[in-house]
């Protein structure tokens, strides 16, 4: 590996960011939609607690440590500081394909489970959406949805880049995986943050809610000026599993959020289930995607 490559394991307990992806995929792989087309979780309200697999007990120690760090340090103050630090987007200028190549320097030689590059993972997701006939903006959103992981290349720890996202500044849902680790979060000692709505109002809308910091929030802000609103929701909330998989935080969502979450759920099947051992031909696909990118994005954008 060349010296300019950055190992994904350098700033956290996971051997690679894919370990978190794999844990989430396993956690939500039980059920399928009525159509039988693709795996999708539907919660059975009559299902007894003991009938669910205990994913927390089965998780690797490194995954548990990742969630311990995430839940301990994702405070509202931390989120607001990271927004101030990154959302001015003055770090660099680069195009979308260039950003994909930049993300490709985030690799992990110690991961025995995959030798696919970051670009290949992105192409697997977008090609799966393309094969199902989704519109071009949807395919493009699938291509770029993980580009926010370049935060790792700028020194952010894994727990501030990936992980199930959740609102900060209000009570944490007990359906968030490893909920018990929030006990060590300083926000647990702030009474206002431990009420149902916290600093927000009932059904205020998610655009008024501060989400835990990570690649979702960052790539949303980078790309929002160039893509339709449906794509905004797909980018910003694709890791908001407590809402789109567990049905939590309905009290903060507006009617419009509820409508737009159709697109989050539609996208999520590709995010979780598109990985395969078949390698996409990057150079053969590049002309198609460069043309698609140029349809929506200028040559260079601010990061």
Protein backbone atom coordinates (compact mmCIF):
# COMPACT_ATOMS: atom_id res chain seq x y z
CA UNK A 1 0.00 0.00 0.00
CA UNK A 2 1.35 3.46 -0.86
CA UNK A 3 2.36 5.75 2.00
CA UNK A 4 -0.37 8.30 1.26
CA UNK A 5 -3.08 5.76 2.02
CA UNK A 6 -4.92 6.19 5.32
CA UNK A 7 -6.06 3.16 7.28
CA UNK A 8 -9.67 3.20 8.46
CA UNK A 9 -8.57 1.58 11.72
CA UNK A 10 -6.32 4.46 12.68
CA UNK A 11 -8.85 6.40 14.75
CA UNK A 12 -11.19 3.93 16.40
CA UNK A 13 -12.01 0.42 17.57
CA UNK A 14 -13.40 -0.85 14.26
CA UNK A 15 -11.00 -2.57 11.87
CA UNK A 16 -12.82 -0.75 9.08
CA UNK A 17 -15.93 1.37 8.71
CA UNK A 18 -17.50 -1.62 6.98
CA UNK A 19 -17.74 -3.36 10.35
CA UNK A 20 -20.42 -0.88 11.40
CA UNK A 21 -22.21 -1.32 8.05
CA UNK A 22 -22.13 -5.11 8.48
CA UNK A 23 -23.51 -4.92 12.02
CA UNK A 24 -26.43 -2.74 10.87
CA UNK A 25 -27.10 -5.00 7.90
CA UNK A 26 -27.27 -8.05 10.18
CA UNK A 27 -29.45 -6.22 12.71
CA UNK A 28 -32.04 -5.32 10.08
CA UNK A 29 -31.93 -8.37 7.84
CA UNK A 30 -34.71 -10.42 9.45
CA UNK A 31 -37.80 -9.46 7.48
CA UNK A 32 -38.71 -8.76 3.87
CA UNK A 33 -41.36 -6.56 2.26
CA UNK A 34 -44.68 -8.05 1.24
CA UNK A 35 -43.60 -7.88 -2.38
CA UNK A 36 -40.66 -10.12 -1.58
CA UNK A 37 -38.44 -7.90 -3.70
CA UNK A 38 -35.79 -6.86 -1.20
CA UNK A 39 -35.07 -7.30 2.52
CA UNK A 40 -36.91 -4.79 4.63
CA UNK A 41 -37.86 -4.73 8.29
CA UNK A 42 -41.49 -4.40 9.27
CA UNK A 43 -42.07 -4.29 13.00
CA UNK A 44 -44.66 -6.76 14.27
CA UNK A 45 -46.30 -5.10 17.31
CA UNK A 46 -47.35 -8.52 18.63
CA UNK A 47 -43.83 -9.93 18.56
CA UNK A 48 -42.56 -10.68 22.03
CA UNK A 49 -39.29 -9.17 23.16
CA UNK A 50 -37.68 -12.59 23.63
CA UNK A 51 -38.44 -13.45 19.99
CA UNK A 52 -36.06 -10.81 18.69
CA UNK A 53 -32.44 -11.76 18.15
CA UNK A 54 -30.21 -10.15 20.75
CA UNK A 55 -27.93 -8.24 18.41
CA UNK A 56 -26.31 -6.37 21.26
CA UNK A 57 -25.19 -9.59 22.91
CA UNK A 58 -23.96 -10.97 19.57
CA UNK A 59 -22.03 -7.87 18.53
CA UNK A 60 -18.25 -7.98 18.36
CA UNK A 61 -16.40 -6.28 21.20
CA UNK A 62 -15.05 -3.66 18.78
CA UNK A 63 -18.59 -2.76 17.67
CA UNK A 64 -19.69 -2.38 21.29
CA UNK A 65 -16.69 -0.16 21.98
CA UNK A 66 -17.53 1.93 18.93
CA UNK A 67 -21.08 2.49 20.19
CA UNK A 68 -19.81 3.24 23.71
CA UNK A 69 -17.65 6.05 22.32
CA UNK A 70 -20.41 7.29 20.00
CA UNK A 71 -23.05 7.43 22.71
CA UNK A 72 -20.69 8.95 25.27
CA UNK A 73 -19.32 11.80 23.17
CA UNK A 74 -22.14 12.76 20.78
CA UNK A 75 -23.41 15.63 22.91
CA UNK A 76 -25.43 18.58 21.64
CA UNK A 77 -22.47 20.87 22.27
CA UNK A 78 -20.22 18.57 20.23
CA UNK A 79 -22.70 18.57 17.34
CA UNK A 80 -23.00 22.36 17.30
CA UNK A 81 -19.20 22.73 17.37
CA UNK A 82 -18.76 20.33 14.44
CA UNK A 83 -21.41 22.14 12.41
CA UNK A 84 -19.56 25.41 13.00
CA UNK A 85 -16.25 23.77 12.06
CA UNK A 86 -17.33 22.01 8.86
CA UNK A 87 -20.44 23.62 7.41
CA UNK A 88 -18.65 26.73 6.18
CA UNK A 89 -17.15 24.24 3.70
CA UNK A 90 -13.86 26.03 3.23
CA UNK A 91 -11.59 23.00 3.54
CA UNK A 92 -11.06 22.32 -0.19
CA UNK A 93 -12.61 22.47 -3.66
CA UNK A 94 -13.04 19.28 -5.67
CA UNK A 95 -15.45 17.57 -8.01
CA UNK A 96 -17.61 14.57 -7.12
CA UNK A 97 -15.50 11.96 -8.92
CA UNK A 98 -12.40 13.56 -7.47
CA UNK A 99 -13.97 13.26 -4.01
CA UNK A 100 -14.64 9.58 -4.68
CA UNK A 101 -10.97 9.11 -5.53
CA UNK A 102 -10.03 11.02 -2.39
CA UNK A 103 -12.27 8.77 -0.29
CA UNK A 104 -10.56 5.82 -1.95
CA UNK A 105 -7.44 6.62 0.08
CA UNK A 106 -9.41 5.46 3.12
CA UNK A 107 -8.57 1.77 3.14
CA UNK A 108 -7.77 -0.94 5.65
CA UNK A 109 -5.24 -3.64 4.89
CA UNK A 110 -6.20 -5.52 8.07
CA UNK A 111 -9.80 -6.18 7.01
CA UNK A 112 -9.97 -9.80 5.82
CA UNK A 113 -13.60 -9.66 4.70
CA UNK A 114 -13.33 -7.43 1.66
CA UNK A 115 -10.78 -6.10 -0.76
CA UNK A 116 -13.23 -3.80 -2.52
CA UNK A 117 -12.27 -0.16 -2.72
CA UNK A 118 -14.46 2.67 -1.45
CA UNK A 119 -15.31 3.61 -5.06
CA UNK A 120 -16.41 0.04 -5.77
CA UNK A 121 -18.72 0.10 -2.76
CA UNK A 122 -20.29 3.35 -3.98
CA UNK A 123 -20.75 1.93 -7.47
CA UNK A 124 -22.36 -1.24 -6.15
CA UNK A 125 -25.01 0.88 -4.41
CA UNK A 126 -25.70 3.14 -7.38
CA UNK A 127 -25.65 0.31 -9.91
CA UNK A 128 -28.23 -1.62 -7.87
CA UNK A 129 -30.51 1.43 -7.87
CA UNK A 130 -29.89 1.97 -11.57
CA UNK A 131 -30.74 -1.66 -12.37
CA UNK A 132 -34.11 -1.22 -10.65
CA UNK A 133 -34.97 1.71 -12.91
CA UNK A 134 -34.78 4.56 -10.43
CA UNK A 135 -34.49 8.12 -11.79
CA UNK A 136 -31.06 9.58 -12.49
CA UNK A 137 -31.05 11.83 -9.41
CA UNK A 138 -31.74 8.75 -7.24
CA UNK A 139 -28.85 6.82 -8.83
CA UNK A 140 -26.56 9.81 -8.30
CA UNK A 141 -27.62 10.14 -4.67
CA UNK A 142 -26.82 6.47 -4.16
CA UNK A 143 -23.39 7.09 -5.67
CA UNK A 144 -22.49 9.95 -3.32
CA UNK A 145 -24.31 9.00 -0.11
CA UNK A 146 -21.17 7.87 1.74
CA UNK A 147 -18.81 10.60 0.53
CA UNK A 148 -19.13 12.29 3.91
CA UNK A 149 -16.83 9.58 5.25
CA UNK A 150 -13.96 11.75 4.03
CA UNK A 151 -14.31 13.25 7.52
CA UNK A 152 -12.06 10.37 8.60
CA UNK A 153 -9.36 11.70 6.30
CA UNK A 154 -9.54 15.04 8.13
CA UNK A 155 -8.86 13.45 11.50
CA UNK A 156 -12.36 12.79 12.79
CA UNK A 157 -12.70 9.60 14.88
CA UNK A 158 -14.95 6.81 13.66
CA UNK A 159 -17.65 7.56 16.24
CA UNK A 160 -17.99 11.07 14.72
CA UNK A 161 -18.28 9.76 11.15
CA UNK A 162 -20.49 6.66 11.16
CA UNK A 163 -23.06 5.13 13.49
CA UNK A 164 -26.83 5.16 13.81
CA UNK A 165 -27.84 8.82 13.99
CA UNK A 166 -30.26 10.31 16.51
CA UNK A 167 -31.49 13.72 17.70
CA UNK A 168 -29.46 15.49 20.38
CA UNK A 169 -31.00 17.92 22.85
CA UNK A 170 -33.90 15.63 23.78
CA UNK A 171 -34.38 12.25 25.42
CA UNK A 172 -32.74 9.32 23.66
CA UNK A 173 -35.09 6.58 22.47
CA UNK A 174 -34.59 3.25 24.20
CA UNK A 175 -34.78 1.67 20.73
CA UNK A 176 -31.35 3.08 19.86
CA UNK A 177 -28.88 0.21 19.84
CA UNK A 178 -26.73 0.04 23.01
CA UNK A 179 -28.95 2.67 24.61
CA UNK A 180 -27.33 1.98 28.00
CA UNK A 181 -24.11 3.70 26.91
CA UNK A 182 -25.86 7.08 26.93
CA UNK A 183 -25.60 7.03 30.73
CA UNK A 184 -22.03 8.31 30.38
CA UNK A 185 -23.02 11.15 28.02
CA UNK A 186 -22.78 14.57 29.76
CA UNK A 187 -26.18 15.51 28.28
CA UNK A 188 -27.72 12.89 30.58
CA UNK A 189 -27.17 15.38 33.43
CA UNK A 190 -29.02 18.24 31.69
CA UNK A 191 -32.71 17.98 32.65
CA UNK A 192 -33.98 19.94 29.63
CA UNK A 193 -32.30 17.45 27.30
CA UNK A 194 -33.96 14.51 29.00
CA UNK A 195 -37.57 15.36 28.21
CA UNK A 196 -39.53 13.93 25.29
CA UNK A 197 -39.18 17.03 23.11
CA UNK A 198 -36.17 18.61 24.83
CA UNK A 199 -35.22 21.92 23.21
CA UNK A 200 -37.69 21.31 20.34
CA UNK A 201 -41.44 21.56 19.89
CA UNK A 202 -43.92 18.81 19.13
CA UNK A 203 -43.90 18.01 15.39
CA UNK A 204 -41.50 20.89 14.73
CA UNK A 205 -39.97 19.11 11.73
CA UNK A 206 -36.59 17.43 11.43
CA UNK A 207 -35.04 20.42 9.70
CA UNK A 208 -35.22 22.16 13.11
CA UNK A 209 -33.65 19.20 14.94
CA UNK A 210 -29.92 18.80 15.54
CA UNK A 211 -28.87 15.26 14.63
CA UNK A 212 -25.77 13.48 15.92
CA UNK A 213 -22.76 14.46 13.85
CA UNK A 214 -21.46 12.25 11.05
CA UNK A 215 -21.15 11.61 7.34
CA UNK A 216 -24.92 11.89 6.73
CA UNK A 217 -25.23 15.45 7.97
CA UNK A 218 -22.04 16.55 6.27
CA UNK A 219 -22.76 15.19 2.77
CA UNK A 220 -26.29 16.60 2.96
CA UNK A 221 -24.90 20.11 3.41
CA UNK A 222 -22.30 19.60 0.67
CA UNK A 223 -24.83 18.40 -1.92
CA UNK A 224 -28.14 20.04 -0.98
CA UNK A 225 -27.87 22.92 -3.46
CA UNK A 226 -27.61 20.55 -6.42
CA UNK A 227 -30.15 17.76 -5.81
CA UNK A 228 -33.94 17.55 -5.30
CA UNK A 229 -35.48 17.49 -1.84
CA UNK A 230 -36.07 13.74 -1.97
CA UNK A 231 -32.31 13.30 -2.24
CA UNK A 232 -31.81 15.63 0.74
CA UNK A 233 -33.77 13.24 2.95
CA UNK A 234 -31.94 10.20 1.57
CA UNK A 235 -28.56 11.75 2.31
CA UNK A 236 -29.35 13.32 5.67
CA UNK A 237 -31.31 10.51 7.29
CA UNK A 238 -30.08 7.23 5.77
CA UNK A 239 -28.44 6.32 9.10
CA UNK A 240 -31.39 7.51 11.20
CA UNK A 241 -32.39 3.90 11.91
CA UNK A 242 -34.30 4.72 15.12
CA UNK A 243 -36.82 6.60 12.94
CA UNK A 244 -37.01 4.81 9.60
CA UNK A 245 -36.54 1.30 10.99
CA UNK A 246 -37.82 1.48 14.58
CA UNK A 247 -40.55 4.10 14.13
CA UNK A 248 -39.19 6.35 16.87
CA UNK A 249 -39.15 10.19 17.09
CA UNK A 250 -42.50 10.53 15.33
CA UNK A 251 -43.30 13.35 17.77
CA UNK A 252 -40.57 15.52 16.24
CA UNK A 253 -41.48 14.83 12.62
CA UNK A 254 -43.81 16.99 10.55
CA UNK A 255 -46.37 15.62 8.10
CA UNK A 256 -43.92 16.55 5.33
CA UNK A 257 -41.16 14.53 7.02
CA UNK A 258 -43.46 11.54 7.14
CA UNK A 259 -44.13 11.83 3.41
CA UNK A 260 -40.48 12.29 2.50
CA UNK A 261 -39.33 9.33 4.60
CA UNK A 262 -40.74 7.15 1.84
CA UNK A 263 -37.56 8.01 -0.04
CA UNK A 264 -35.33 7.27 2.93
CA UNK A 265 -36.82 3.79 3.22
CA UNK A 266 -36.72 3.26 -0.54
CA UNK A 267 -33.04 4.11 -0.57
CA UNK A 268 -32.15 2.16 2.56
CA UNK A 269 -32.54 -1.22 0.86
CA UNK A 270 -29.70 -0.31 -1.52
CA UNK A 271 -27.55 1.10 1.26
CA UNK A 272 -27.82 -2.11 3.28
CA UNK A 273 -28.10 -4.88 0.75
CA UNK A 274 -26.16 -3.87 -2.37
CA UNK A 275 -22.76 -5.19 -1.31
CA UNK A 276 -21.62 -8.28 -3.18
CA UNK A 277 -18.41 -10.04 -4.13
CA UNK A 278 -18.85 -9.06 -7.77
CA UNK A 279 -16.57 -6.13 -8.51
CA UNK A 280 -17.94 -3.30 -10.64
CA UNK A 281 -15.75 -2.26 -13.55
CA UNK A 282 -14.81 1.24 -12.41
CA UNK A 283 -13.24 2.44 -15.65
CA UNK A 284 -16.06 1.07 -17.80
CA UNK A 285 -18.68 2.77 -15.61
CA UNK A 286 -16.81 6.03 -15.18
CA UNK A 287 -18.05 7.76 -18.41
CA UNK A 288 -21.68 7.11 -17.48
CA UNK A 289 -21.23 8.47 -13.98
CA UNK A 290 -19.14 11.45 -15.00
CA UNK A 291 -21.94 12.40 -17.40
CA UNK A 292 -24.52 11.90 -14.64
CA UNK A 293 -22.49 13.97 -12.19
CA UNK A 294 -22.10 16.83 -14.68
CA UNK A 295 -25.87 16.92 -15.13
CA UNK A 296 -26.33 18.00 -11.53
CA UNK A 297 -23.02 19.30 -10.17
CA UNK A 298 -20.48 21.89 -11.36
CA UNK A 299 -16.90 20.79 -12.00
CA UNK A 300 -15.78 21.81 -8.51
CA UNK A 301 -17.76 22.30 -5.30
CA UNK A 302 -16.85 23.44 -1.78
CA UNK A 303 -16.05 20.83 0.84
